[in-house]
Structure formats: C-alpha cells, structure tokens
Amino acid sequence: MKSQLVRSSVAGAILGVSIYVGADVFGEYTTYCTLRDQGLAFANQDSALVEQIGTPFDSGPWYNASIGFAQSGHIAAVTFPLKGSKQITDVTVRAVRRPGVPSTALYNVFGGEWKVLDCSAMLPQGGGNVRPRSIMPYQPVPDVQDGKVVTGSECVECSQKGSSRGTQMAAGTAAAGISGANTDGRDGAGGGEVDSPAAGEKKRRKRFWFF
C-alpha cells in the first residue's frame, strides 16, 4: 500500500513537471512564431534591407533563434537569423503583450496581441562597423497640448528627430555600400555576411531547449 502511494506520488510529480515544462516551451515557441512573422513583415517593407541582403528571405529553423522575457513575461525579445540571396543578418524584435492571462501559452492560444516596440537588423554602417538599424516604418506621433491630443496635428519635435535619424541611417547605408564596392575579393561564397549577434534583452535570454 505504501509503495503504491509512493509510486503514485512520483508519477504525479513527473506528470506535473512535464506539463509545466511543456507549457513553458509551447509558450516560447508560439511567441517566437508571432514575433518572427512580424519581423519578416517589417523586413520585407524595408527597401534598404532588401537591397543589402537580397530576397527571398529565409528565417531558418526555430532552434537557431533565441528568446528572452522580462517584466514577468509581458515583454519578449526574439532574435533570429535572416538569410537573403546575398547576405545573412540577425533580426531582433521586441514586443509587449497585454496584461491578464499569466500563462504565455494560454495567452497565445487565445489570440493575444503582441505589440512591437522595436525591430532592428544588424547591417554594415560607415567605417566597416556592423550595428543594429531599425527597420520599423516611421509612425507619426500626434501633437499633445495641455494634455490633449490635437487632431490632425503631428508633433514637430518628434518628426524632426525621425527625419534626422532617417537621414543618418541612409548616409550610413550609402557609406557601407561604397566601402563594399571598393573592397576586392569579398564577393565570393559567404563573402560579406553580416553575422554578428544582435543586441537584445539579456534577461532570461536562452535558446530553445527541451531540457
């Protein structure tokens, strides 16, 4: 009788651990799929990235990606390799989810929304450096006066900052293109690959493992 009770307890503990680990892995995988798809959508819209690494894009297998969570799982950052016909780079997508369901797996199963905070790709800049560059399209920021949103008016300061950043990124991409054109013997197989690890959140960052 006692031995049966012990066996039942051990079996129950193993089952509980298996369910917990399985739910954790499933939550990570579904989050990765959601953020990867959004990152691919941004990548296809960025003409400079398309020109730099070429199309079609291939994000590779899921086990080559990494994922990290912060703020009790409400903020996620996914980094995955993006291979084009010319080069390969790393894309990082950081997103936040709505509060409510504590389980990430259940949140994703019931169609929970992940709002992208930023999306960047590692691309060559002037001087031979490889740095992350935002590939999110510009979104106008509404003007706020006395705590109220002014309809049809855009924040002038924000638009000036966005325009300045866009000019700097374009100049860096152009400088990288000139540098690459003046470099001999680097267009062979595997040449010009951008394979530096993208900067992302370091809290609980890990590869996808089942053990």
Protein backbone atom coordinates (compact mmCIF):
# COMPACT_ATOMS: atom_id res chain seq x y z
CA MET A 1 0.00 0.00 0.00
CA LYS A 2 2.76 2.40 0.96
CA SER A 3 4.82 1.53 -2.12
CA GLN A 4 1.81 2.16 -4.38
CA LEU A 5 1.31 5.55 -2.74
CA VAL A 6 4.96 6.44 -3.30
CA ARG A 7 4.80 5.37 -6.94
CA SER A 8 1.62 7.39 -7.46
CA SER A 9 3.22 10.45 -5.87
CA VAL A 10 6.33 10.14 -8.03
CA ALA A 11 4.25 9.64 -11.17
CA GLY A 12 2.13 12.67 -10.30
CA ALA A 13 5.22 14.80 -9.71
CA ILE A 14 6.75 13.73 -13.02
CA LEU A 15 3.49 14.46 -14.83
CA GLY A 16 3.25 17.90 -13.22
CA VAL A 17 6.82 18.79 -14.16
CA SER A 18 6.26 17.55 -17.72
CA ILE A 19 3.13 19.67 -18.12
CA TYR A 20 4.89 22.74 -16.69
CA VAL A 21 7.92 22.35 -18.95
CA GLY A 22 5.75 21.59 -21.97
CA ALA A 23 3.62 24.69 -21.38
CA ASP A 24 6.74 26.82 -20.96
CA VAL A 25 8.28 25.54 -24.20
CA PHE A 26 4.98 25.90 -26.07
CA GLY A 27 4.63 29.48 -24.83
CA GLU A 28 8.13 30.33 -26.01
CA TYR A 29 7.62 28.70 -29.40
CA THR A 30 4.30 30.41 -30.11
CA THR A 31 5.77 33.76 -29.03
CA TYR A 32 8.73 33.19 -31.33
CA CYS A 33 6.42 32.44 -34.28
CA THR A 34 4.35 35.58 -33.67
CA LEU A 35 7.33 37.93 -33.33
CA ARG A 36 9.22 36.29 -36.21
CA ASP A 37 6.28 36.82 -38.56
CA GLN A 38 6.07 40.48 -37.57
CA GLY A 39 9.82 40.87 -38.04
CA LEU A 40 9.64 39.33 -41.51
CA ALA A 41 6.83 41.73 -42.42
CA PHE A 42 8.98 44.71 -41.40
CA ALA A 43 11.98 43.28 -43.25
CA ASN A 44 10.03 42.96 -46.50
CA GLN A 45 8.94 46.60 -46.21
CA ASP A 46 12.48 47.94 -45.72
CA SER A 47 13.92 48.66 -49.17
CA ALA A 48 17.45 49.23 -47.84
CA LEU A 49 17.48 45.82 -46.15
CA VAL A 50 16.07 44.14 -49.26
CA GLU A 51 18.81 45.75 -51.35
CA GLN A 52 21.53 44.84 -48.84
CA ILE A 53 20.89 41.12 -48.29
CA GLY A 54 18.66 40.26 -51.25
CA THR A 55 15.46 38.27 -51.49
CA PRO A 56 13.78 35.87 -50.97
CA PHE A 57 14.18 35.84 -47.18
CA ASP A 58 14.69 32.68 -45.15
CA SER A 59 14.43 32.87 -41.35
CA GLY A 60 15.92 29.42 -40.82
CA PRO A 61 14.83 26.78 -38.29
CA TRP A 62 13.36 27.81 -34.94
CA TYR A 63 16.21 26.27 -32.95
CA ASN A 64 18.66 28.84 -34.36
CA ALA A 65 16.67 31.64 -32.74
CA SER A 66 16.86 32.91 -29.18
CA ILE A 67 14.18 34.37 -26.94
CA GLY A 68 14.17 36.36 -23.73
CA PHE A 69 11.44 37.59 -21.40
CA ALA A 70 11.24 40.49 -18.95
CA GLN A 71 8.60 42.08 -16.72
CA SER A 72 7.16 38.71 -15.65
CA GLY A 73 6.83 37.56 -19.24
CA HIS A 74 4.99 40.64 -20.50
CA ILE A 75 7.91 41.82 -22.66
CA ALA A 76 9.59 39.43 -25.10
CA ALA A 77 12.61 39.80 -27.36
CA VAL A 78 13.30 37.37 -30.18
CA THR A 79 16.47 37.28 -32.30
CA PHE A 80 16.55 35.13 -35.42
CA PRO A 81 18.86 34.84 -38.45
CA LEU A 82 17.56 36.27 -41.70
CA LYS A 83 19.20 34.90 -44.84
CA GLY A 84 18.87 36.57 -48.22
CA SER A 85 20.28 35.77 -51.65
CA LYS A 86 23.35 37.95 -50.95
CA GLN A 87 23.99 38.05 -47.21
CA ILE A 88 22.74 36.97 -43.82
CA THR A 89 21.90 39.14 -40.84
CA ASP A 90 20.26 38.97 -37.42
CA VAL A 91 16.85 40.49 -36.78
CA THR A 92 15.67 41.37 -33.27
CA VAL A 93 12.02 42.00 -32.45
CA ARG A 94 10.96 43.32 -29.04
CA ALA A 95 7.28 43.36 -28.16
CA VAL A 96 4.91 43.77 -25.22
CA ARG A 97 1.69 41.93 -24.52
CA ARG A 98 -1.46 42.97 -22.74
CA PRO A 99 -1.85 42.11 -19.04
CA GLY A 100 -4.32 39.48 -18.00
CA VAL A 101 -3.65 35.79 -18.55
CA PRO A 102 -0.43 34.94 -16.66
CA SER A 103 0.39 31.95 -18.86
CA THR A 104 2.14 32.92 -22.10
CA ALA A 105 1.00 29.69 -23.74
CA LEU A 106 -2.68 30.33 -22.96
CA TYR A 107 -2.34 33.99 -23.96
CA ASN A 108 -1.03 32.99 -27.39
CA VAL A 109 -3.53 30.16 -27.85
CA PHE A 110 -6.45 32.55 -27.32
CA GLY A 111 -5.07 35.04 -29.85
CA GLY A 112 -3.39 37.51 -27.50
CA GLU A 113 -1.83 40.54 -29.19
CA TRP A 114 1.90 41.31 -29.12
CA LYS A 115 2.59 44.99 -29.88
CA VAL A 116 6.04 45.51 -31.40
CA LEU A 117 8.13 48.11 -29.57
CA ASP A 118 11.12 47.98 -31.88
CA CYS A 119 12.53 45.85 -34.68
CA SER A 120 16.12 46.09 -35.84
CA ALA A 121 18.55 44.31 -38.14
CA MET A 122 22.34 44.13 -37.96
CA LEU A 123 23.63 45.98 -41.01
CA PRO A 124 27.00 47.41 -42.09
CA GLN A 125 27.50 51.10 -41.43
CA GLY A 126 30.22 53.55 -42.41
CA GLY A 127 33.77 52.65 -41.38
CA GLY A 128 33.22 48.91 -41.67
CA ASN A 129 31.13 48.71 -38.48
CA VAL A 130 28.10 46.46 -38.08
CA ARG A 131 25.35 47.97 -35.97
CA PRO A 132 21.64 47.42 -35.38
CA ARG A 133 19.37 49.61 -37.51
CA SER A 134 15.65 50.00 -37.03
CA ILE A 135 13.56 48.53 -39.84
CA MET A 136 10.22 49.68 -38.45
CA PRO A 137 8.39 52.14 -40.71
CA TYR A 138 8.06 55.69 -39.45
CA GLN A 139 4.88 56.32 -37.50
CA PRO A 140 3.80 59.92 -36.92
CA VAL A 141 3.41 60.98 -33.29
CA PRO A 142 0.31 63.10 -32.62
CA ASP A 143 0.79 66.54 -31.11
CA VAL A 144 -0.27 66.89 -27.48
CA GLN A 145 -1.10 70.27 -25.97
CA ASP A 146 -2.20 70.75 -22.37
CA GLY A 147 -2.61 67.01 -22.01
CA LYS A 148 -4.95 66.72 -25.00
CA VAL A 149 -4.27 65.15 -28.40
CA VAL A 150 -4.60 67.68 -31.21
CA THR A 151 -6.49 66.02 -34.06
CA GLY A 152 -4.68 66.12 -37.41
CA SER A 153 -1.54 67.69 -35.92
CA GLU A 154 1.83 65.95 -35.67
CA CYS A 155 4.48 66.53 -33.01
CA VAL A 156 7.02 68.78 -34.77
CA GLU A 157 9.92 67.86 -32.49
CA CYS A 158 9.25 64.12 -32.93
CA SER A 159 9.03 64.42 -36.72
CA GLN A 160 12.32 66.34 -36.82
CA LYS A 161 14.02 63.62 -34.78
CA GLY A 162 12.60 60.92 -37.05
CA SER A 163 13.73 62.77 -40.16
CA SER A 164 17.22 63.29 -38.73
CA ARG A 165 17.53 59.61 -37.81
CA GLY A 166 16.38 58.54 -41.26
CA THR A 167 18.98 60.78 -42.91
CA GLN A 168 21.75 59.37 -40.72
CA MET A 169 20.72 55.77 -41.47
CA ALA A 170 20.62 56.46 -45.21
CA ALA A 171 24.06 58.04 -45.08
CA GLY A 172 25.44 55.07 -43.15
CA THR A 173 23.99 52.58 -45.61
CA ALA A 174 25.38 54.53 -48.56
CA ALA A 175 28.82 54.69 -46.95
CA ALA A 176 28.73 50.94 -46.32
CA GLY A 177 27.82 50.34 -49.96
CA ILE A 178 30.73 52.47 -51.18
CA SER A 179 33.10 50.69 -48.79
CA GLY A 180 31.90 47.30 -50.05
CA ALA A 181 32.30 48.36 -53.67
CA ASN A 182 35.91 49.38 -53.06
CA THR A 183 36.81 46.07 -51.41
CA ASP A 184 38.28 43.36 -53.63
CA GLY A 185 37.82 39.62 -53.25
CA ARG A 186 34.91 39.73 -50.82
CA ASP A 187 32.07 38.78 -53.09
CA GLY A 188 32.79 35.05 -53.14
CA ALA A 189 30.79 32.38 -51.43
CA GLY A 190 29.98 33.53 -47.94
CA GLY A 191 31.54 36.92 -48.57
CA GLY A 192 30.04 39.98 -46.98
CA GLU A 193 27.95 38.10 -44.49
CA VAL A 194 26.64 40.05 -41.57
CA ASP A 195 26.58 37.51 -38.83
CA SER A 196 27.06 39.49 -35.64
CA PRO A 197 24.74 38.72 -32.70
CA ALA A 198 22.03 41.32 -32.43
CA ALA A 199 21.75 43.41 -29.31
CA GLY A 200 18.68 42.42 -27.32
CA GLU A 201 17.44 41.91 -23.83
CA LYS A 202 19.76 39.78 -21.72
CA LYS A 203 17.30 38.84 -19.02
CA ARG A 204 16.40 35.17 -19.29
CA ARG A 205 17.67 35.04 -22.86
CA LYS A 206 18.07 31.47 -23.98
CA ARG A 207 17.93 29.15 -26.91
CA PHE A 208 15.00 26.84 -27.38
CA TRP A 209 15.78 23.67 -25.47
CA PHE A 210 13.54 20.86 -24.39
CA PHE A 211 15.75 20.01 -21.42
